[in-house]
């Protein structure tokens, strides 16, 4: 795709795409998603035999029935057929299959002419709006490069992925490390990145994919152990845009934003932050990293 990020008015109208004239923020109007199920009490659609997974599987990707975009540009990724599992429960080999599937779908969607950016993400727990408990994530294939990604490319310094100091480091597995950012927005926020400038998930080599899988198992296990309960969190991968625009290299990385600041106590983002664009984190990153290193 050209990657200009601009739409003809007819396309924008048809897609429900709009730009707020005050902030410049893009928004999609998706009224069809209003009818999607909310914490269904019936049989899980992601378990084997369910409506989305009629046959046995280990990992699986398929189009979202309630997509925010047209033309199959939104997908669901099932991590395992085990309904009660966590990513932390997966074996390294199984977690590697999830990483491989993310990479495969990134490459396939990114090769489309109508896709400029592929976002891999997960909402875990009802606290962040996950409507089905079965372990899964999602993929959105945007026809623009989202503003957050554009900002990272515009503002990231040359030291953004430099080896962090020991006091904020949480875990390292081969080429991949996880640490609490010095300017973390969330109490136990983690940034996961490789040691080299790999631009996207499809470009990760065999060892880097296995190391990422092991690090995810480790980090999510630490978050779950922190308060002795599954940690609700949001996770997303940032990788290069799949358009034709040349940019300064920015390596693939993952953000994990956990919701709890203490056992049973949620960290809420409210008017002071949304109205100002300034974050107020109640946990010092050095303290958060030490707590995460000490669990297990």
C-alpha atoms as a PDB file:
ATOM      1  CA  UNK A   1       0.000   0.000   0.000  1.00  0.00           C
ATOM      2  CA  UNK A   2       1.139   3.545  -0.613  1.00  0.00           C
ATOM      3  CA  UNK A   3       1.206   4.306   3.102  1.00  0.00           C
ATOM      4  CA  UNK A   4       0.087   7.908   2.720  1.00  0.00           C
ATOM      5  CA  UNK A   5      -2.470   7.427   5.481  1.00  0.00           C
ATOM      6  CA  UNK A   6      -5.040   9.570   3.616  1.00  0.00           C
ATOM      7  CA  UNK A   7      -8.372   8.353   2.334  1.00  0.00           C
ATOM      8  CA  UNK A   8     -10.704   9.490  -0.371  1.00  0.00           C
ATOM      9  CA  UNK A   9     -13.909  10.799   1.211  1.00  0.00           C
ATOM     10  CA  UNK A  10     -15.999   7.992  -0.284  1.00  0.00           C
ATOM     11  CA  UNK A  11     -13.664   5.343   1.177  1.00  0.00           C
ATOM     12  CA  UNK A  12     -13.641   7.026   4.567  1.00  0.00           C
ATOM     13  CA  UNK A  13     -17.425   7.241   4.640  1.00  0.00           C
ATOM     14  CA  UNK A  14     -17.869   3.632   3.596  1.00  0.00           C
ATOM     15  CA  UNK A  15     -15.397   2.378   6.174  1.00  0.00           C
ATOM     16  CA  UNK A  16     -16.681   4.552   9.010  1.00  0.00           C
ATOM     17  CA  UNK A  17     -13.249   6.152   9.275  1.00  0.00           C
ATOM     18  CA  UNK A  18     -13.172   9.661  10.684  1.00  0.00           C
ATOM     19  CA  UNK A  19     -10.681  12.195  12.019  1.00  0.00           C
ATOM     20  CA  UNK A  20     -11.494  14.238  15.103  1.00  0.00           C
ATOM     21  CA  UNK A  21     -11.060  17.888  14.048  1.00  0.00           C
ATOM     22  CA  UNK A  22      -9.918  18.948  17.525  1.00  0.00           C
ATOM     23  CA  UNK A  23      -7.274  16.318  18.334  1.00  0.00           C
ATOM     24  CA  UNK A  24      -6.533  14.871  14.905  1.00  0.00           C
ATOM     25  CA  UNK A  25      -7.107  11.383  16.327  1.00  0.00           C
ATOM     26  CA  UNK A  26      -8.503   8.755  13.922  1.00  0.00           C
ATOM     27  CA  UNK A  27     -11.605   6.752  14.841  1.00  0.00           C
ATOM     28  CA  UNK A  28     -13.646   4.028  13.197  1.00  0.00           C
ATOM     29  CA  UNK A  29     -17.397   3.831  13.676  1.00  0.00           C
ATOM     30  CA  UNK A  30     -18.216   0.105  13.967  1.00  0.00           C
ATOM     31  CA  UNK A  31     -21.859  -0.266  15.072  1.00  0.00           C
ATOM     32  CA  UNK A  32     -21.921  -3.899  13.915  1.00  0.00           C
ATOM     33  CA  UNK A  33     -19.660  -4.788  16.857  1.00  0.00           C
ATOM     34  CA  UNK A  34     -22.398  -3.763  19.285  1.00  0.00           C
ATOM     35  CA  UNK A  35     -24.003  -7.181  18.780  1.00  0.00           C
ATOM     36  CA  UNK A  36     -20.923  -9.254  19.592  1.00  0.00           C
ATOM     37  CA  UNK A  37     -21.282 -11.648  22.575  1.00  0.00           C
ATOM     38  CA  UNK A  38     -20.296 -10.492  26.043  1.00  0.00           C
ATOM     39  CA  UNK A  39     -18.989 -13.208  28.375  1.00  0.00           C
ATOM     40  CA  UNK A  40     -21.177 -15.943  26.850  1.00  0.00           C
ATOM     41  CA  UNK A  41     -22.585 -18.432  29.338  1.00  0.00           C
ATOM     42  CA  UNK A  42     -22.922 -21.152  26.710  1.00  0.00           C
ATOM     43  CA  UNK A  43     -20.204 -23.493  25.476  1.00  0.00           C
ATOM     44  CA  UNK A  44     -16.924 -21.749  24.715  1.00  0.00           C
ATOM     45  CA  UNK A  45     -16.693 -21.068  20.962  1.00  0.00           C
ATOM     46  CA  UNK A  46     -12.893 -21.471  21.089  1.00  0.00           C
ATOM     47  CA  UNK A  47     -12.798 -24.924  22.667  1.00  0.00           C
ATOM     48  CA  UNK A  48     -12.542 -27.944  20.359  1.00  0.00           C
ATOM     49  CA  UNK A  49     -16.011 -28.606  18.967  1.00  0.00           C
ATOM     50  CA  UNK A  50     -17.044 -24.982  19.411  1.00  0.00           C
ATOM     51  CA  UNK A  51     -18.361 -22.829  16.604  1.00  0.00           C
ATOM     52  CA  UNK A  52     -14.915 -21.369  15.833  1.00  0.00           C
ATOM     53  CA  UNK A  53     -12.864 -24.525  16.387  1.00  0.00           C
ATOM     54  CA  UNK A  54     -14.845 -27.572  15.262  1.00  0.00           C
ATOM     55  CA  UNK A  55     -11.711 -29.701  14.783  1.00  0.00           C
ATOM     56  CA  UNK A  56      -8.768 -30.435  17.137  1.00  0.00           C
ATOM     57  CA  UNK A  57      -5.962 -27.863  17.011  1.00  0.00           C
ATOM     58  CA  UNK A  58      -2.812 -26.738  18.806  1.00  0.00           C
ATOM     59  CA  UNK A  59      -2.801 -23.102  17.620  1.00  0.00           C
ATOM     60  CA  UNK A  60      -5.299 -21.520  15.275  1.00  0.00           C
ATOM     61  CA  UNK A  61      -6.018 -18.218  13.496  1.00  0.00           C
ATOM     62  CA  UNK A  62      -9.295 -17.299  11.802  1.00  0.00           C
ATOM     63  CA  UNK A  63     -11.248 -14.171  10.795  1.00  0.00           C
ATOM     64  CA  UNK A  64     -13.066 -12.301  13.559  1.00  0.00           C
ATOM     65  CA  UNK A  65     -16.866 -12.601  13.243  1.00  0.00           C
ATOM     66  CA  UNK A  66     -17.262  -9.056  14.600  1.00  0.00           C
ATOM     67  CA  UNK A  67     -14.405  -7.195  12.898  1.00  0.00           C
ATOM     68  CA  UNK A  68     -13.686  -3.466  13.195  1.00  0.00           C
ATOM     69  CA  UNK A  69     -12.436  -3.548   9.578  1.00  0.00           C
ATOM     70  CA  UNK A  70     -13.788  -4.966   6.345  1.00  0.00           C
ATOM     71  CA  UNK A  71     -12.281  -7.659   4.086  1.00  0.00           C
ATOM     72  CA  UNK A  72     -11.040 -10.086   6.762  1.00  0.00           C
ATOM     73  CA  UNK A  73      -8.508  -7.648   8.207  1.00  0.00           C
ATOM     74  CA  UNK A  74      -9.204  -8.720  11.796  1.00  0.00           C
ATOM     75  CA  UNK A  75      -8.349 -12.165  13.135  1.00  0.00           C
ATOM     76  CA  UNK A  76      -8.532 -14.190  16.337  1.00  0.00           C
ATOM     77  CA  UNK A  77      -5.489 -16.245  17.388  1.00  0.00           C
ATOM     78  CA  UNK A  78      -6.064 -19.210  19.716  1.00  0.00           C
ATOM     79  CA  UNK A  79      -2.983 -20.103  21.760  1.00  0.00           C
ATOM     80  CA  UNK A  80      -4.131 -23.546  22.882  1.00  0.00           C
ATOM     81  CA  UNK A  81      -7.205 -25.765  22.950  1.00  0.00           C
ATOM     82  CA  UNK A  82      -6.972 -25.913  26.780  1.00  0.00           C
ATOM     83  CA  UNK A  83      -9.654 -23.552  28.078  1.00  0.00           C
ATOM     84  CA  UNK A  84      -8.167 -23.056  31.564  1.00  0.00           C
ATOM     85  CA  UNK A  85      -4.578 -22.562  30.419  1.00  0.00           C
ATOM     86  CA  UNK A  86      -2.493 -19.409  30.597  1.00  0.00           C
ATOM     87  CA  UNK A  87       0.271 -18.484  28.193  1.00  0.00           C
ATOM     88  CA  UNK A  88       2.546 -19.163  31.167  1.00  0.00           C
ATOM     89  CA  UNK A  89       1.338 -22.780  31.191  1.00  0.00           C
ATOM     90  CA  UNK A  90       2.460 -23.453  27.633  1.00  0.00           C
ATOM     91  CA  UNK A  91       5.573 -25.481  26.952  1.00  0.00           C
ATOM     92  CA  UNK A  92       8.396 -23.636  25.167  1.00  0.00           C
ATOM     93  CA  UNK A  93       7.674 -25.620  21.989  1.00  0.00           C
ATOM     94  CA  UNK A  94       3.974 -24.803  22.115  1.00  0.00           C
ATOM     95  CA  UNK A  95       4.607 -21.110  22.818  1.00  0.00           C
ATOM     96  CA  UNK A  96       6.997 -21.096  19.867  1.00  0.00           C
ATOM     97  CA  UNK A  97       4.117 -22.272  17.656  1.00  0.00           C
ATOM     98  CA  UNK A  98       2.148 -19.219  18.781  1.00  0.00           C
ATOM     99  CA  UNK A  99       5.085 -16.951  17.869  1.00  0.00           C
ATOM    100  CA  UNK A 100       5.386 -18.676  14.486  1.00  0.00           C
ATOM    101  CA  UNK A 101       1.671 -18.156  13.856  1.00  0.00           C
ATOM    102  CA  UNK A 102       1.945 -14.446  14.734  1.00  0.00           C
ATOM    103  CA  UNK A 103       4.835 -14.160  12.282  1.00  0.00           C
ATOM    104  CA  UNK A 104       3.022 -16.122   9.567  1.00  0.00           C
ATOM    105  CA  UNK A 105      -0.131 -13.999   9.838  1.00  0.00           C
ATOM    106  CA  UNK A 106       1.899 -10.773   9.979  1.00  0.00           C
ATOM    107  CA  UNK A 107       3.607 -11.700   6.727  1.00  0.00           C
ATOM    108  CA  UNK A 108       0.394 -12.796   5.005  1.00  0.00           C
ATOM    109  CA  UNK A 109      -1.633  -9.766   6.030  1.00  0.00           C
ATOM    110  CA  UNK A 110       1.271  -7.369   5.533  1.00  0.00           C
ATOM    111  CA  UNK A 111       1.632  -8.528   1.921  1.00  0.00           C
ATOM    112  CA  UNK A 112      -1.866  -7.309   1.071  1.00  0.00           C
ATOM    113  CA  UNK A 113      -2.248  -4.107  -0.940  1.00  0.00           C
ATOM    114  CA  UNK A 114      -4.901  -2.843   1.468  1.00  0.00           C
ATOM    115  CA  UNK A 115      -2.775  -3.254   4.612  1.00  0.00           C
ATOM    116  CA  UNK A 116      -0.192  -0.817   5.954  1.00  0.00           C
ATOM    117  CA  UNK A 117       0.200  -2.054   9.515  1.00  0.00           C
ATOM    118  CA  UNK A 118      -0.292  -5.341  11.400  1.00  0.00           C
ATOM    119  CA  UNK A 119      -0.929  -5.114  15.139  1.00  0.00           C
ATOM    120  CA  UNK A 120      -0.675  -8.284  17.236  1.00  0.00           C
ATOM    121  CA  UNK A 121      -2.325  -7.836  20.624  1.00  0.00           C
ATOM    122  CA  UNK A 122      -4.058  -9.469  23.580  1.00  0.00           C
ATOM    123  CA  UNK A 123      -6.617  -8.275  26.113  1.00  0.00           C
ATOM    124  CA  UNK A 124      -6.515 -10.626  29.066  1.00  0.00           C
ATOM    125  CA  UNK A 125      -9.223 -10.653  31.691  1.00  0.00           C
ATOM    126  CA  UNK A 126     -12.705  -9.117  31.960  1.00  0.00           C
ATOM    127  CA  UNK A 127     -11.118  -6.034  33.556  1.00  0.00           C
ATOM    128  CA  UNK A 128      -9.807  -5.057  30.117  1.00  0.00           C
ATOM    129  CA  UNK A 129     -12.876  -6.157  28.195  1.00  0.00           C
ATOM    130  CA  UNK A 130     -11.957  -9.721  27.240  1.00  0.00           C
ATOM    131  CA  UNK A 131     -15.328 -11.306  26.521  1.00  0.00           C
ATOM    132  CA  UNK A 132     -14.115 -14.925  26.377  1.00  0.00           C
ATOM    133  CA  UNK A 133     -11.753 -16.453  28.955  1.00  0.00           C
ATOM    134  CA  UNK A 134     -10.179 -18.978  26.581  1.00  0.00           C
ATOM    135  CA  UNK A 135      -6.491 -17.999  26.007  1.00  0.00           C
ATOM    136  CA  UNK A 136      -6.377 -16.008  22.799  1.00  0.00           C
ATOM    137  CA  UNK A 137      -5.215 -12.809  21.168  1.00  0.00           C
ATOM    138  CA  UNK A 138      -6.153 -10.776  18.142  1.00  0.00           C
ATOM    139  CA  UNK A 139      -4.698  -9.226  14.992  1.00  0.00           C
ATOM    140  CA  UNK A 140      -5.779  -5.943  13.419  1.00  0.00           C
ATOM    141  CA  UNK A 141      -4.524  -5.210   9.906  1.00  0.00           C
ATOM    142  CA  UNK A 142      -4.813  -1.434   9.480  1.00  0.00           C
ATOM    143  CA  UNK A 143      -4.914   0.419   6.194  1.00  0.00           C
ATOM    144  CA  UNK A 144      -3.102   3.284   7.902  1.00  0.00           C
ATOM    145  CA  UNK A 145      -0.073   3.369  10.184  1.00  0.00           C
ATOM    146  CA  UNK A 146      -1.576   4.024  13.635  1.00  0.00           C
ATOM    147  CA  UNK A 147      -0.593   7.257  15.426  1.00  0.00           C
ATOM    148  CA  UNK A 148       1.147   5.480  18.315  1.00  0.00           C
ATOM    149  CA  UNK A 149       3.451   3.671  15.886  1.00  0.00           C
ATOM    150  CA  UNK A 150       4.084   6.872  13.929  1.00  0.00           C
ATOM    151  CA  UNK A 151       5.030   8.601  17.177  1.00  0.00           C
ATOM    152  CA  UNK A 152       7.466   5.850  18.134  1.00  0.00           C
ATOM    153  CA  UNK A 153       9.212   6.173  14.794  1.00  0.00           C
ATOM    154  CA  UNK A 154       9.322   9.964  15.138  1.00  0.00           C
ATOM    155  CA  UNK A 155      10.492  10.193  18.746  1.00  0.00           C
ATOM    156  CA  UNK A 156      12.390   7.015  19.703  1.00  0.00           C
ATOM    157  CA  UNK A 157      15.981   7.853  20.572  1.00  0.00           C
ATOM    158  CA  UNK A 158      18.996   5.805  19.560  1.00  0.00           C
ATOM    159  CA  UNK A 159      19.138   4.515  23.151  1.00  0.00           C
ATOM    160  CA  UNK A 160      15.509   3.340  23.277  1.00  0.00           C
ATOM    161  CA  UNK A 161      16.573  -0.307  23.229  1.00  0.00           C
ATOM    162  CA  UNK A 162      19.997   0.008  24.820  1.00  0.00           C
ATOM    163  CA  UNK A 163      20.706  -2.581  27.490  1.00  0.00           C
ATOM    164  CA  UNK A 164      18.783  -1.298  30.511  1.00  0.00           C
ATOM    165  CA  UNK A 165      20.365  -0.981  33.948  1.00  0.00           C
ATOM    166  CA  UNK A 166      20.199  -3.990  36.243  1.00  0.00           C
ATOM    167  CA  UNK A 167      17.749  -2.274  38.587  1.00  0.00           C
ATOM    168  CA  UNK A 168      14.943  -2.321  36.002  1.00  0.00           C
ATOM    169  CA  UNK A 169      15.821  -5.582  34.229  1.00  0.00           C
ATOM    170  CA  UNK A 170      13.391  -8.427  34.916  1.00  0.00           C
ATOM    171  CA  UNK A 171      14.392 -11.385  32.725  1.00  0.00           C
ATOM    172  CA  UNK A 172      16.543 -12.377  29.752  1.00  0.00           C
ATOM    173  CA  UNK A 173      16.220 -15.381  27.467  1.00  0.00           C
ATOM    174  CA  UNK A 174      18.899 -15.483  24.802  1.00  0.00           C
ATOM    175  CA  UNK A 175      18.485 -12.539  22.438  1.00  0.00           C
ATOM    176  CA  UNK A 176      15.291 -11.268  24.145  1.00  0.00           C
ATOM    177  CA  UNK A 177      15.052  -9.283  27.395  1.00  0.00           C
ATOM    178  CA  UNK A 178      12.226  -7.763  29.449  1.00  0.00           C
ATOM    179  CA  UNK A 179      12.468  -4.730  31.677  1.00  0.00           C
ATOM    180  CA  UNK A 180      10.321  -2.091  33.364  1.00  0.00           C
ATOM    181  CA  UNK A 181      10.703   1.173  31.408  1.00  0.00           C
ATOM    182  CA  UNK A 182      12.123   4.101  33.389  1.00  0.00           C
ATOM    183  CA  UNK A 183       9.104   6.176  32.306  1.00  0.00           C
ATOM    184  CA  UNK A 184       6.548   3.374  32.731  1.00  0.00           C
ATOM    185  CA  UNK A 185       2.891   4.374  32.497  1.00  0.00           C
ATOM    186  CA  UNK A 186       1.572   1.252  34.251  1.00  0.00           C
ATOM    187  CA  UNK A 187       2.693  -0.073  37.674  1.00  0.00           C
ATOM    188  CA  UNK A 188       4.247  -3.336  36.444  1.00  0.00           C
ATOM    189  CA  UNK A 189       4.638  -2.437  32.787  1.00  0.00           C
ATOM    190  CA  UNK A 190       7.144  -4.443  30.764  1.00  0.00           C
ATOM    191  CA  UNK A 191       8.984  -3.774  27.525  1.00  0.00           C
ATOM    192  CA  UNK A 192      10.256  -6.854  25.673  1.00  0.00           C
ATOM    193  CA  UNK A 193      12.812  -6.476  22.893  1.00  0.00           C
ATOM    194  CA  UNK A 194      15.570  -8.419  21.113  1.00  0.00           C
ATOM    195  CA  UNK A 195      19.211  -7.396  21.272  1.00  0.00           C
ATOM    196  CA  UNK A 196      19.456  -6.663  17.542  1.00  0.00           C
ATOM    197  CA  UNK A 197      17.533  -4.390  15.165  1.00  0.00           C
ATOM    198  CA  UNK A 198      15.089  -6.969  13.806  1.00  0.00           C
ATOM    199  CA  UNK A 199      12.211  -4.975  12.276  1.00  0.00           C
ATOM    200  CA  UNK A 200       9.279  -7.372  12.489  1.00  0.00           C
ATOM    201  CA  UNK A 201       8.082 -10.755  13.691  1.00  0.00           C
ATOM    202  CA  UNK A 202       8.528 -12.525  10.317  1.00  0.00           C
ATOM    203  CA  UNK A 203      12.219 -11.476  10.304  1.00  0.00           C
ATOM    204  CA  UNK A 204      13.026 -13.165  13.629  1.00  0.00           C
ATOM    205  CA  UNK A 205      15.340 -16.125  13.184  1.00  0.00           C
ATOM    206  CA  UNK A 206      14.836 -19.544  14.750  1.00  0.00           C
ATOM    207  CA  UNK A 207      16.646 -18.753  18.008  1.00  0.00           C
ATOM    208  CA  UNK A 208      15.018 -15.334  18.384  1.00  0.00           C
ATOM    209  CA  UNK A 209      11.545 -16.842  18.006  1.00  0.00           C
ATOM    210  CA  UNK A 210      12.263 -19.519  20.610  1.00  0.00           C
ATOM    211  CA  UNK A 211      13.746 -16.940  22.990  1.00  0.00           C
ATOM    212  CA  UNK A 212      10.686 -14.708  22.607  1.00  0.00           C
ATOM    213  CA  UNK A 213       8.415 -17.654  23.379  1.00  0.00           C
ATOM    214  CA  UNK A 214      10.395 -18.495  26.525  1.00  0.00           C
ATOM    215  CA  UNK A 215      10.465 -14.869  27.661  1.00  0.00           C
ATOM    216  CA  UNK A 216       6.686 -14.534  27.283  1.00  0.00           C
ATOM    217  CA  UNK A 217       6.145 -17.667  29.377  1.00  0.00           C
ATOM    218  CA  UNK A 218       8.529 -16.278  31.998  1.00  0.00           C
ATOM    219  CA  UNK A 219       7.090 -12.747  32.142  1.00  0.00           C
ATOM    220  CA  UNK A 220       3.432 -13.744  32.218  1.00  0.00           C
ATOM    221  CA  UNK A 221       4.246 -16.338  34.872  1.00  0.00           C
ATOM    222  CA  UNK A 222       5.900 -13.638  37.003  1.00  0.00           C
ATOM    223  CA  UNK A 223       2.908 -11.319  36.607  1.00  0.00           C
ATOM    224  CA  UNK A 224       0.545 -14.123  37.659  1.00  0.00           C
ATOM    225  CA  UNK A 225       2.728 -14.994  40.655  1.00  0.00           C
ATOM    226  CA  UNK A 226       3.068 -11.384  41.796  1.00  0.00           C
ATOM    227  CA  UNK A 227      -0.351 -11.273  43.489  1.00  0.00           C
ATOM    228  CA  UNK A 228      -1.017 -15.034  43.402  1.00  0.00           C
ATOM    229  CA  UNK A 229      -3.758 -14.677  40.793  1.00  0.00           C
ATOM    230  CA  UNK A 230      -3.988 -14.306  37.014  1.00  0.00           C
ATOM    231  CA  UNK A 231      -2.903 -10.774  36.152  1.00  0.00           C
ATOM    232  CA  UNK A 232      -5.259  -8.896  33.819  1.00  0.00           C
ATOM    233  CA  UNK A 233      -3.187  -7.149  31.192  1.00  0.00           C
ATOM    234  CA  UNK A 234      -2.995  -5.658  27.734  1.00  0.00           C
ATOM    235  CA  UNK A 235      -0.157  -6.730  25.445  1.00  0.00           C
ATOM    236  CA  UNK A 236       0.737  -5.528  21.973  1.00  0.00           C
ATOM    237  CA  UNK A 237       3.602  -5.947  19.522  1.00  0.00           C
ATOM    238  CA  UNK A 238       4.984  -3.051  17.548  1.00  0.00           C
ATOM    239  CA  UNK A 239       6.738  -3.959  14.330  1.00  0.00           C
ATOM    240  CA  UNK A 240       7.610  -2.168  11.126  1.00  0.00           C
ATOM    241  CA  UNK A 241       4.792  -0.901   8.914  1.00  0.00           C
ATOM    242  CA  UNK A 242       4.141  -3.102   5.886  1.00  0.00           C
ATOM    243  CA  UNK A 243       3.884  -0.226   3.429  1.00  0.00           C
ATOM    244  CA  UNK A 244       6.330   1.220   0.928  1.00  0.00           C
ATOM    245  CA  UNK A 245       7.581   4.113   3.060  1.00  0.00           C
ATOM    246  CA  UNK A 246      11.244   4.061   4.055  1.00  0.00           C
ATOM    247  CA  UNK A 247      11.804   4.852   7.733  1.00  0.00           C
ATOM    248  CA  UNK A 248      14.575   4.865  10.294  1.00  0.00           C
ATOM    249  CA  UNK A 249      14.859   1.280  11.598  1.00  0.00           C
ATOM    250  CA  UNK A 250      12.972   0.535  14.809  1.00  0.00           C
ATOM    251  CA  UNK A 251      13.216  -2.984  16.176  1.00  0.00           C
ATOM    252  CA  UNK A 252      10.209  -5.177  16.871  1.00  0.00           C
ATOM    253  CA  UNK A 253       9.154  -5.108  20.510  1.00  0.00           C
ATOM    254  CA  UNK A 254       6.263  -5.920  22.839  1.00  0.00           C
ATOM    255  CA  UNK A 255       4.546  -3.840  25.499  1.00  0.00           C
ATOM    256  CA  UNK A 256       2.755  -5.487  28.436  1.00  0.00           C
ATOM    257  CA  UNK A 257       0.504  -3.214  30.504  1.00  0.00           C
ATOM    258  CA  UNK A 258      -0.780  -5.010  33.641  1.00  0.00           C
ATOM    259  CA  UNK A 259      -3.864  -3.539  35.309  1.00  0.00           C
ATOM    260  CA  UNK A 260      -3.275  -4.247  39.006  1.00  0.00           C
ATOM    261  CA  UNK A 261      -1.160  -1.995  41.263  1.00  0.00           C
ATOM    262  CA  UNK A 262      -1.623  -4.281  44.274  1.00  0.00           C
ATOM    263  CA  UNK A 263      -3.514  -7.493  45.025  1.00  0.00           C
ATOM    264  CA  UNK A 264      -7.126  -6.929  44.026  1.00  0.00           C
ATOM    265  CA  UNK A 265      -6.614  -3.219  43.350  1.00  0.00           C
ATOM    266  CA  UNK A 266      -6.874  -1.957  39.798  1.00  0.00           C
ATOM    267  CA  UNK A 267      -4.874   0.964  38.451  1.00  0.00           C
ATOM    268  CA  UNK A 268      -7.469   3.177  36.780  1.00  0.00           C
ATOM    269  CA  UNK A 269      -6.734   5.663  34.018  1.00  0.00           C
ATOM    270  CA  UNK A 270      -9.126   8.565  34.473  1.00  0.00           C
ATOM    271  CA  UNK A 271      -9.709  12.224  33.599  1.00  0.00           C
ATOM    272  CA  UNK A 272      -6.436  13.631  34.909  1.00  0.00           C
ATOM    273  CA  UNK A 273      -4.491  11.416  32.521  1.00  0.00           C
ATOM    274  CA  UNK A 274      -6.875  11.201  29.585  1.00  0.00           C
ATOM    275  CA  UNK A 275      -7.462  14.942  29.751  1.00  0.00           C
ATOM    276  CA  UNK A 276      -3.792  15.820  29.894  1.00  0.00           C
ATOM    277  CA  UNK A 277      -1.934  13.038  28.103  1.00  0.00           C
ATOM    278  CA  UNK A 278       0.326  12.795  31.166  1.00  0.00           C
ATOM    279  CA  UNK A 279       0.655   9.530  33.097  1.00  0.00           C
ATOM    280  CA  UNK A 280       0.894   9.235  36.893  1.00  0.00           C
ATOM    281  CA  UNK A 281       2.358   5.866  37.862  1.00  0.00           C
ATOM    282  CA  UNK A 282       1.936   4.907  41.554  1.00  0.00           C
ATOM    283  CA  UNK A 283       4.781   2.343  41.505  1.00  0.00           C
ATOM    284  CA  UNK A 284       8.425   3.309  41.017  1.00  0.00           C
ATOM    285  CA  UNK A 285       9.828   1.237  38.089  1.00  0.00           C
ATOM    286  CA  UNK A 286      12.848   0.101  40.124  1.00  0.00           C
ATOM    287  CA  UNK A 287      10.488  -1.221  42.818  1.00  0.00           C
ATOM    288  CA  UNK A 288       8.264  -2.949  40.247  1.00  0.00           C
ATOM    289  CA  UNK A 289      11.247  -4.635  38.598  1.00  0.00           C
ATOM    290  CA  UNK A 290      12.604  -5.849  41.945  1.00  0.00           C
ATOM    291  CA  UNK A 291       9.239  -7.352  42.875  1.00  0.00           C
ATOM    292  CA  UNK A 292       8.963  -9.114  39.524  1.00  0.00           C
ATOM    293  CA  UNK A 293      12.525 -10.462  39.790  1.00  0.00           C
ATOM    294  CA  UNK A 294      11.784 -11.815  43.269  1.00  0.00           C
ATOM    295  CA  UNK A 295       8.648 -13.804  42.404  1.00  0.00           C
ATOM    296  CA  UNK A 296       8.695 -17.514  41.435  1.00  0.00           C
END
